[in-house]
Amino acid sequence: MGFRPQPNVERNLINYNLQTADGIQGWKTYRNALHRHLLEYKKGGSEDRVDCSHIYSANSSEEHHELEDGQFCEFDLKMFDDTPCTWDQDYGYARGNPCVIVKLNRIYNWKPVAYESEEHVPEEIMEYWSEERKDFIYVTCEGENEADRDNIGAIDLYSPFNNKSIGGIPFSFYPFRNQPGYQQPLVFAHFKDLHKGVLINVECRAFAANIDRQQGDRAFQRGSVHFEFLIDTPAGGRP
């Protein structure tokens, strides 16, 4: 998995001063980097781009189906218009409540596999999984350890799954086959009440039957991404 904004691809730390807008320590650095990334989704249309929203809408009973060769599902950013994760709201960075994009890395021709039955569903997503909505990659975000969970506050997840408690990416967006104009599906995580002046480690995870859930060293885990927050204030505490 990956995350954005990441102005420096060698760093996993989102670090800025809440009282500074411009410069390397300013919140605009992250807002602008995130916006540049999203502009890729607003480029001209493609004849192979398909509206799949009827398949994964909350009330849909349609099952995932294969698209024709070269086609791909459109990822429409309008689904985020009524969320805090917009340019008009600075993606939350000006207020210290940042939005972060998390998404799976592109793997050529990879297709997610649904859990066969409830008994195979991991405990972390059991509350949200259902037979009717099994054709989703489920996504969670939380603090990595107990101290992080104490400091991270509430998190809302915005995605096609349409449930702020958990993210979901429909299977319809896969496989990726280098289609021109392909739009990589994403989940917006909105960190509503981060403690300021303290380093917070975050882990987001993706769940499907064929995403390896290895334990141990993070470097060998698949289907997860790690990043950190350190949002400073002049007083070094909560604003």
Protein backbone atom coordinates (compact mmCIF):
# COMPACT_ATOMS: atom_id res chain seq x y z
CA MET A 1 0.00 0.00 0.00
CA GLY A 2 0.95 3.64 -0.32
CA PHE A 3 -0.16 6.99 1.04
CA ARG A 4 -0.35 10.63 -0.04
CA PRO A 5 0.66 13.40 0.48
CA GLN A 6 4.30 12.45 0.50
CA PRO A 7 6.31 15.48 -0.73
CA ASN A 8 9.51 13.59 0.02
CA VAL A 9 9.11 9.99 -1.13
CA GLU A 10 11.91 8.90 1.20
CA ARG A 11 10.01 10.06 4.31
CA ASN A 12 6.87 8.64 5.88
CA LEU A 13 6.49 11.60 8.25
CA ILE A 14 3.80 14.27 7.84
CA ASN A 15 5.30 17.09 9.86
CA TYR A 16 4.28 20.76 9.81
CA ASN A 17 3.62 23.73 12.07
CA LEU A 18 -0.06 24.46 12.46
CA GLN A 19 0.61 28.20 12.67
CA THR A 20 2.74 28.30 9.50
CA ALA A 21 1.18 28.27 6.05
CA ASP A 22 4.16 28.67 3.72
CA GLY A 23 7.65 27.25 3.53
CA ILE A 24 9.02 23.79 4.18
CA GLN A 25 7.34 23.62 7.61
CA GLY A 26 4.03 25.04 6.37
CA TRP A 27 0.77 23.13 6.04
CA LYS A 28 0.39 24.27 2.42
CA THR A 29 3.26 21.97 1.46
CA TYR A 30 1.07 18.96 2.24
CA ARG A 31 -2.18 20.45 0.99
CA ASN A 32 -0.62 21.33 -2.36
CA ALA A 33 1.12 17.95 -2.75
CA LEU A 34 -2.18 16.17 -2.13
CA HIS A 35 -4.01 18.39 -4.59
CA ARG A 36 -1.42 17.82 -7.32
CA HIS A 37 -1.87 14.09 -6.91
CA LEU A 38 -5.66 14.36 -7.25
CA LEU A 39 -5.40 16.47 -10.41
CA GLU A 40 -4.37 13.27 -12.21
CA TYR A 41 -7.96 12.05 -11.71
CA LYS A 42 -9.39 15.13 -13.43
CA LYS A 43 -7.60 14.80 -16.74
CA GLY A 44 -9.52 14.30 -19.97
CA GLY A 45 -11.79 11.33 -20.34
CA SER A 46 -11.08 8.03 -22.02
CA GLU A 47 -13.36 5.94 -24.19
CA ASP A 48 -12.37 2.96 -22.06
CA ARG A 49 -13.42 4.60 -18.79
CA VAL A 50 -16.65 3.05 -17.48
CA ASP A 51 -19.11 4.31 -14.86
CA CYS A 52 -19.33 1.41 -12.39
CA SER A 53 -21.11 3.25 -9.56
CA HIS A 54 -24.31 1.26 -10.09
CA ILE A 55 -22.39 -1.91 -9.22
CA TYR A 56 -21.00 -0.84 -5.85
CA SER A 57 -23.62 1.62 -4.61
CA ALA A 58 -24.91 0.95 -1.11
CA ASN A 59 -28.24 -0.42 -2.33
CA SER A 60 -26.97 -2.35 -5.31
CA SER A 61 -27.57 -6.07 -5.60
CA GLU A 62 -25.41 -6.43 -8.72
CA GLU A 63 -22.34 -8.59 -8.52
CA HIS A 64 -18.90 -7.67 -9.75
CA HIS A 65 -18.39 -8.50 -13.40
CA GLU A 66 -15.45 -8.44 -15.77
CA LEU A 67 -15.00 -5.44 -18.04
CA GLU A 68 -13.97 -5.76 -21.65
CA ASP A 69 -10.26 -5.70 -22.52
CA GLY A 70 -8.81 -2.24 -22.03
CA GLN A 71 -11.75 -0.92 -20.03
CA PHE A 72 -11.51 0.30 -16.44
CA CYS A 73 -13.89 1.76 -13.87
CA GLU A 74 -13.92 5.51 -13.42
CA PHE A 75 -13.00 6.72 -9.94
CA ASP A 76 -15.17 9.81 -9.49
CA LEU A 77 -13.81 12.27 -6.92
CA LYS A 78 -17.25 13.84 -6.59
CA MET A 79 -17.97 11.25 -3.91
CA PHE A 80 -15.78 13.37 -1.60
CA ASP A 81 -17.51 16.70 -2.28
CA ASP A 82 -19.44 16.66 1.00
CA THR A 83 -16.49 15.57 3.13
CA PRO A 84 -13.68 17.55 4.80
CA CYS A 85 -11.27 16.12 2.22
CA THR A 86 -11.57 18.85 -0.43
CA TRP A 87 -9.48 21.75 -1.70
CA ASP A 88 -12.04 24.23 -0.35
CA GLN A 89 -11.36 22.91 3.14
CA ASP A 90 -7.59 22.64 2.60
CA TYR A 91 -7.95 18.87 3.03
CA GLY A 92 -8.03 19.59 6.78
CA TYR A 93 -4.37 20.64 7.01
CA ALA A 94 -4.99 24.27 8.01
CA ARG A 95 -6.96 23.12 11.06
CA GLY A 96 -4.68 20.26 12.08
CA ASN A 97 -7.25 17.62 11.06
CA PRO A 98 -5.55 16.25 7.94
CA CYS A 99 -6.90 13.97 5.24
CA VAL A 100 -4.57 11.27 3.90
CA ILE A 101 -5.05 9.12 0.82
CA VAL A 102 -4.34 5.40 1.22
CA LYS A 103 -4.44 2.98 -1.69
CA LEU A 104 -3.07 -0.29 -2.92
CA ASN A 105 0.03 -0.30 -5.07
CA ARG A 106 -0.44 -1.13 -8.73
CA ILE A 107 0.24 -4.79 -9.46
CA TYR A 108 -0.22 -5.82 -13.06
CA ASN A 109 -3.15 -8.20 -13.62
CA TRP A 110 -3.76 -8.73 -9.90
CA LYS A 111 -7.36 -9.44 -8.89
CA PRO A 112 -8.71 -9.42 -5.33
CA VAL A 113 -10.44 -12.56 -4.07
CA ALA A 114 -13.47 -12.50 -1.76
CA TYR A 115 -13.64 -14.38 1.53
CA GLU A 116 -15.55 -17.61 0.95
CA SER A 117 -17.65 -17.32 4.08
CA GLU A 118 -17.91 -15.52 7.38
CA GLU A 119 -15.67 -18.02 9.11
CA HIS A 120 -12.74 -16.88 6.95
CA VAL A 121 -13.22 -13.15 7.62
CA PRO A 122 -10.58 -11.55 9.89
CA GLU A 123 -11.78 -10.26 13.22
CA GLU A 124 -10.76 -6.69 12.35
CA ILE A 125 -13.46 -6.36 9.67
CA MET A 126 -16.06 -8.88 10.85
CA GLU A 127 -18.42 -6.16 12.07
CA TYR A 128 -18.68 -4.65 8.58
CA TRP A 129 -18.40 -7.66 6.27
CA SER A 130 -21.53 -9.11 4.69
CA GLU A 131 -22.30 -11.63 1.97
CA GLU A 132 -23.94 -8.85 -0.04
CA ARG A 133 -20.80 -6.69 0.11
CA LYS A 134 -18.13 -9.35 -0.10
CA ASP A 135 -16.69 -7.97 -3.37
CA PHE A 136 -14.80 -5.20 -1.62
CA ILE A 137 -11.25 -4.77 -0.38
CA TYR A 138 -11.80 -3.59 3.18
CA VAL A 139 -9.47 -0.88 4.56
CA THR A 140 -8.77 0.09 8.18
CA CYS A 141 -6.56 2.75 9.78
CA GLU A 142 -5.49 3.00 13.41
CA GLY A 143 -2.60 3.87 15.71
CA GLU A 144 0.14 1.24 15.63
CA ASN A 145 0.41 0.76 19.38
CA GLU A 146 -1.48 1.69 22.52
CA ALA A 147 0.15 5.11 22.93
CA ASP A 148 -0.57 5.95 19.30
CA ARG A 149 -4.19 4.90 19.68
CA ASP A 150 -4.51 7.19 22.69
CA ASN A 151 -3.17 10.14 20.68
CA ILE A 152 -4.72 9.57 17.28
CA GLY A 153 -8.31 10.48 18.09
CA ALA A 154 -11.27 9.70 15.86
CA ILE A 155 -10.80 8.67 12.22
CA ASP A 156 -13.40 8.82 9.45
CA LEU A 157 -12.85 6.82 6.26
CA TYR A 158 -14.39 8.04 3.00
CA SER A 159 -14.65 5.61 0.11
CA PRO A 160 -17.12 3.94 -2.27
CA PHE A 161 -18.11 1.67 0.63
CA ASN A 162 -20.00 4.63 2.09
CA ASN A 163 -19.35 3.83 5.75
CA LYS A 164 -17.14 6.22 7.70
CA SER A 165 -16.10 3.48 10.12
CA ILE A 166 -14.32 1.45 7.45
CA GLY A 167 -13.03 1.95 3.92
CA GLY A 168 -13.91 -0.23 0.96
CA ILE A 169 -12.58 -0.53 -2.59
CA PRO A 170 -14.82 -2.42 -5.02
CA PHE A 171 -13.35 -5.33 -6.93
CA SER A 172 -14.66 -3.66 -10.10
CA PHE A 173 -11.54 -1.47 -10.24
CA TYR A 174 -9.32 -4.49 -10.87
CA PRO A 175 -7.31 -5.78 -12.60
CA PHE A 176 -4.84 -3.06 -13.56
CA ARG A 177 -3.39 -3.80 -17.01
CA ASN A 178 -1.62 -0.56 -17.89
CA GLN A 179 -4.80 0.87 -19.38
CA PRO A 180 -4.20 4.43 -20.61
CA GLY A 181 -5.85 6.84 -18.18
CA TYR A 182 -6.38 4.18 -15.48
CA GLN A 183 -7.59 5.72 -12.22
CA GLN A 184 -6.29 4.03 -9.11
CA PRO A 185 -9.01 3.66 -6.44
CA LEU A 186 -8.36 5.29 -3.09
CA VAL A 187 -9.66 5.76 0.43
CA PHE A 188 -9.52 9.10 2.25
CA ALA A 189 -8.68 8.85 5.95
CA HIS A 190 -9.68 11.96 7.91
CA PHE A 191 -7.87 12.31 11.24
CA LYS A 192 -10.34 14.45 13.17
CA ASP A 193 -8.65 14.99 16.51
CA LEU A 194 -4.91 14.31 16.39
CA HIS A 195 -2.97 15.24 19.50
CA LYS A 196 -0.49 17.98 18.63
CA GLY A 197 3.20 18.10 19.42
CA VAL A 198 3.56 14.32 19.69
CA LEU A 199 4.74 11.71 17.17
CA ILE A 200 1.89 9.39 16.17
CA ASN A 201 2.46 6.18 14.21
CA VAL A 202 -0.35 5.09 11.89
CA GLU A 203 -0.97 1.79 10.17
CA CYS A 204 -3.57 1.31 7.45
CA ARG A 205 -4.37 -2.23 6.26
CA ALA A 206 -6.19 -3.78 3.35
CA PHE A 207 -8.17 -7.02 3.63
CA ALA A 208 -9.06 -9.57 0.97
CA ALA A 209 -8.68 -13.35 0.85
CA ASN A 210 -5.52 -13.15 -1.28
CA ILE A 211 -3.79 -10.31 0.61
CA ASP A 212 -1.12 -11.89 2.80
CA ARG A 213 -1.52 -11.14 6.50
CA GLN A 214 2.01 -12.06 7.58
CA GLN A 215 2.95 -11.08 11.09
CA GLY A 216 6.25 -9.74 12.34
CA ASP A 217 8.59 -7.27 10.68
CA ARG A 218 6.60 -4.55 8.90
CA ALA A 219 8.98 -4.69 5.93
CA PHE A 220 7.69 -8.17 5.11
CA GLN A 221 4.00 -7.40 5.54
CA ARG A 222 1.79 -6.96 2.51
CA GLY A 223 -1.42 -5.02 2.31
CA SER A 224 -0.38 -2.38 4.84
CA VAL A 225 1.22 1.05 4.95
CA HIS A 226 2.92 2.93 7.76
CA PHE A 227 3.17 6.70 8.15
CA GLU A 228 3.59 9.18 10.98
CA PHE A 229 2.20 12.52 12.12
CA LEU A 230 3.96 15.26 14.02
CA ILE A 231 1.93 18.46 13.96
CA ASP A 232 3.61 21.25 15.87
CA THR A 233 2.09 24.28 17.56
CA PRO A 234 3.91 27.27 19.11
CA ALA A 235 3.06 26.01 22.57
CA GLY A 236 3.98 22.41 21.68
CA GLY A 237 0.56 21.15 22.72
CA ARG A 238 -3.01 21.02 21.53
CA PRO A 239 -4.25 24.30 20.00
